[in-house]
Every structure is written in structure tokens, then in C-alpha cells.
Amino acid sequence: MKLNYFCYSLLVLTLAASLLVFHSLPAWLLMVNLLTLLIYGADKHAARKSWQRVPERTLLVYGLVGGWVGALLAQQLFRHKTQKQPFKTWFMASVMLNVVAVVGICYWKATTV
């Protein structure tokens, strides 16, 4: 379970780092997507070596908080988590939720200017 705490600690550090720059939202999205790509790659490596794996729930959280682009890229790049159900269903639901949130934020910003 230490691996799970490590993953969430990285996520919190990424959030803190993104808050230190002027454009914190784009910084967050860039950093969380890179981190998600790395976490998926590490999980694929762990799967091949029969090491401790990153829990699926943690991978879903990474996608839900904005790392879904990195997750999609990692899934194709590493051929990892592309067929497993119900993970795929939950992941696609988080992608749709993210897209709706981004569209809503953009619409809200456009109407408040």
C-alpha cells in the first residue's frame, strides 16, 4: 500500500508546484498528464515484472483530476489498460466528465468577460 501513498503524494506535490506559477491551471494540466503517463508506464513495467501494482482506483483518480490525456497516450504507447472492464468504462466516464467540465469552465469564462 506504500506505492499508493507514493502516487497520491506525487499528485499533491504536483498540485503544489502548479500553484507556484502564474498560469496554474495550464501548469497543472501539463504536469498531471506527464505524471499520469509515467505512472501508467511504471504500472505496466510492474505488471511485466510481477511487482506491486498501482491500484486501478488510483489510475482512475489520475485521469479524473485532469490526467486523462496522458492516460490515453500511455494506454496506446504501453498497450496498458486498453481492454480491461470495468476499468475502461469508468475511465471513459471520467474522460467525459472532464470534457464537460472544461467546456463548462470555458463557457463560464466567456460569459463573464
Protein backbone atom coordinates (compact mmCIF):
# COMPACT_ATOMS: atom_id res chain seq x y z
CA MET A 1 0.00 0.00 0.00
CA LYS A 2 3.04 2.29 0.26
CA LEU A 3 3.02 2.59 -3.52
CA ASN A 4 -0.49 4.04 -3.40
CA TYR A 5 0.57 6.65 -0.83
CA PHE A 6 3.56 7.48 -3.01
CA CYS A 7 1.30 8.03 -6.04
CA TYR A 8 -1.02 10.33 -4.11
CA SER A 9 1.95 12.19 -2.61
CA LEU A 10 3.23 12.84 -6.12
CA LEU A 11 -0.20 14.16 -7.07
CA VAL A 12 -0.23 16.56 -4.09
CA LEU A 13 3.31 17.75 -4.88
CA THR A 14 2.27 18.33 -8.48
CA LEU A 15 -0.68 20.42 -7.31
CA ALA A 16 1.56 22.46 -5.01
CA ALA A 17 4.08 23.02 -7.80
CA SER A 18 1.37 24.13 -10.23
CA LEU A 19 0.10 26.70 -7.72
CA LEU A 20 3.53 28.35 -7.63
CA VAL A 21 3.41 29.50 -11.24
CA PHE A 22 1.40 32.32 -12.82
CA HIS A 23 -0.74 30.13 -15.11
CA SER A 24 -1.55 27.46 -12.57
CA LEU A 25 -4.30 25.62 -14.49
CA PRO A 26 -2.25 25.01 -17.67
CA ALA A 27 0.75 24.11 -15.48
CA TRP A 28 -1.39 21.66 -13.52
CA LEU A 29 -2.72 20.02 -16.67
CA LEU A 30 0.72 19.68 -18.21
CA MET A 31 2.29 18.27 -15.05
CA VAL A 32 -0.56 15.91 -14.14
CA ASN A 33 -0.64 14.50 -17.67
CA LEU A 34 3.11 13.87 -17.66
CA LEU A 35 2.85 12.29 -14.23
CA THR A 36 -0.07 10.12 -15.36
CA LEU A 37 1.93 8.93 -18.36
CA LEU A 38 4.81 7.98 -16.05
CA ILE A 39 2.53 6.23 -13.55
CA TYR A 40 0.91 4.14 -16.30
CA GLY A 41 4.36 3.25 -17.64
CA ALA A 42 5.56 2.25 -14.18
CA ASP A 43 2.43 0.14 -13.67
CA LYS A 44 2.96 -1.64 -16.99
CA HIS A 45 6.58 -2.33 -16.03
CA ALA A 46 5.42 -3.63 -12.63
CA ALA A 47 2.88 -5.89 -14.36
CA ARG A 48 5.59 -7.43 -16.54
CA LYS A 49 7.90 -8.00 -13.57
CA SER A 50 5.13 -9.25 -11.23
CA TRP A 51 5.86 -6.42 -8.80
CA GLN A 52 3.40 -4.44 -6.70
CA ARG A 53 0.93 -2.67 -8.96
CA VAL A 54 -0.67 0.74 -8.85
CA PRO A 55 -4.33 0.22 -7.86
CA GLU A 56 -6.85 0.79 -10.65
CA ARG A 57 -8.69 3.29 -8.47
CA THR A 58 -5.53 5.41 -8.29
CA LEU A 59 -5.14 5.30 -12.08
CA LEU A 60 -8.77 6.41 -12.40
CA VAL A 61 -8.21 9.27 -9.95
CA TYR A 62 -5.25 10.47 -12.01
CA GLY A 63 -7.47 10.56 -15.10
CA LEU A 64 -10.33 12.20 -13.22
CA VAL A 65 -8.24 15.10 -11.94
CA GLY A 66 -7.14 16.04 -15.45
CA GLY A 67 -4.58 13.45 -16.46
CA TRP A 68 -6.82 11.66 -18.93
CA VAL A 69 -4.88 12.85 -22.00
CA GLY A 70 -1.68 11.39 -20.55
CA ALA A 71 -3.59 8.23 -19.66
CA LEU A 72 -4.94 7.83 -23.21
CA LEU A 73 -1.45 8.35 -24.61
CA ALA A 74 0.03 5.88 -22.12
CA GLN A 75 -2.64 3.29 -22.87
CA GLN A 76 -1.69 3.35 -26.54
CA LEU A 77 2.05 3.73 -26.01
CA PHE A 78 2.38 0.94 -23.44
CA ARG A 79 -0.63 -1.14 -24.54
CA HIS A 80 -1.84 -0.98 -20.97
CA LYS A 81 -5.40 -0.97 -19.59
CA THR A 82 -6.96 -0.85 -23.06
CA GLN A 83 -9.29 -3.84 -22.78
CA LYS A 84 -9.93 -4.44 -19.09
CA GLN A 85 -13.52 -3.96 -17.97
CA PRO A 86 -14.93 -2.25 -15.92
CA PHE A 87 -11.79 -0.07 -15.83
CA LYS A 88 -12.31 1.04 -19.43
CA THR A 89 -15.92 2.05 -18.74
CA TRP A 90 -15.03 4.04 -15.61
CA PHE A 91 -12.09 5.66 -17.39
CA MET A 92 -14.22 6.79 -20.33
CA ALA A 93 -16.81 8.17 -17.89
CA SER A 94 -14.05 10.23 -16.25
CA VAL A 95 -12.93 11.49 -19.67
CA MET A 96 -16.46 12.61 -20.49
CA LEU A 97 -16.79 14.29 -17.09
CA ASN A 98 -13.52 16.15 -17.71
CA VAL A 99 -14.60 17.31 -21.17
CA VAL A 100 -17.93 18.56 -19.81
CA ALA A 101 -16.10 20.39 -17.01
CA VAL A 102 -13.65 22.05 -19.42
CA VAL A 103 -16.45 23.12 -21.77
CA GLY A 104 -18.42 24.46 -18.79
CA ILE A 105 -15.44 26.43 -17.49
CA CYS A 106 -14.72 27.87 -20.94
CA TYR A 107 -18.38 28.83 -21.38
CA TRP A 108 -18.48 30.42 -17.92
CA LYS A 109 -15.27 32.38 -18.60
CA ALA A 110 -16.60 33.58 -21.95
CA THR A 111 -19.87 34.82 -20.48
CA THR A 112 -18.28 36.62 -17.52
CA VAL A 113 -15.89 38.74 -19.59
